[in-house]
Amino acid sequence: MRKWISAATTTFMVLGFASVASAQTYSAQPWTFVGKADVCGNPYPAGAKIVTSTWQTGMGLPDNGTANPDGKDPHNGLLLSKNGPTANCSSAGATIQGWTPGTIQTLGFDYRNGGHCGAGAPRFNVTDNLGNTYFFGCTEGAHSPAPQDPTQWERVAYTVPTAGSAGFIFGVTTVTSIEIVLDEGTDSASADDPNGVGLAVLDNIRINNTVIRNKKGTLIAP
């Protein structure tokens, strides 16, 4: 986990967050970050255009929240990819837009088995009103089979602090911005990703009692 990437993306994304907070609806807006040498710092090389973040139809679980979609269901999923080494100063992610300062009781997402799920990525970066950023890595959450497709998808939930979020208190800490970040590349293996594909597909991004299933916005959780 590299804080130089987190800091750069957080600075950029908080500005974006501020302009849309009044909309009062959540969405996960994709972004990519490619850093210059003066931003990345030794020993990290300058970034390269090896990162992708996009909502794609056919990549995710049924948008209607069930295991039995009709033929028109778009199956949107958030594709995050870093097609190169972890040390490369680049990352892919999404900002939770529409969030206004408040507390969080739970965070989470579903991810497609076979993709990357490491201690540092994909992860939530959560920033509080004092400027502190807390990290919730994929392997650090509570894991269970995703209800919509329990054999092919895994659910990750966070309701207690993790190793990367010491000092964060669910239901108490005032949160000003939330991001999802993938910055571990093809040289970072995980239990689900022994070859290091540097790619993850996410869906059902959960913020408290709401679930984001596509780029357009929030659907109320069942």
Foldseek 3Di string as FASTA:
>chain_A
DDVLLVVVVVVVVLVVQVVFQVVQFKFWAKDKDFAQDVSLDPPAHGADPQKDWDWAFPQAFFPVPALDDDPPGRRIKIKIFGADALSHSMKIKTWTHNDAKDFFQKWWWKWWFLFDFDQQPQWKWWAFPVGDTFIGGRVFFDWAQDVSGRVTMIIGMDRDGGPRGPPDHGRPTITGIMMTMQRHAQVDADPRHRRGHRMIIIAQTDTHQWTHGGRPGIDGHD
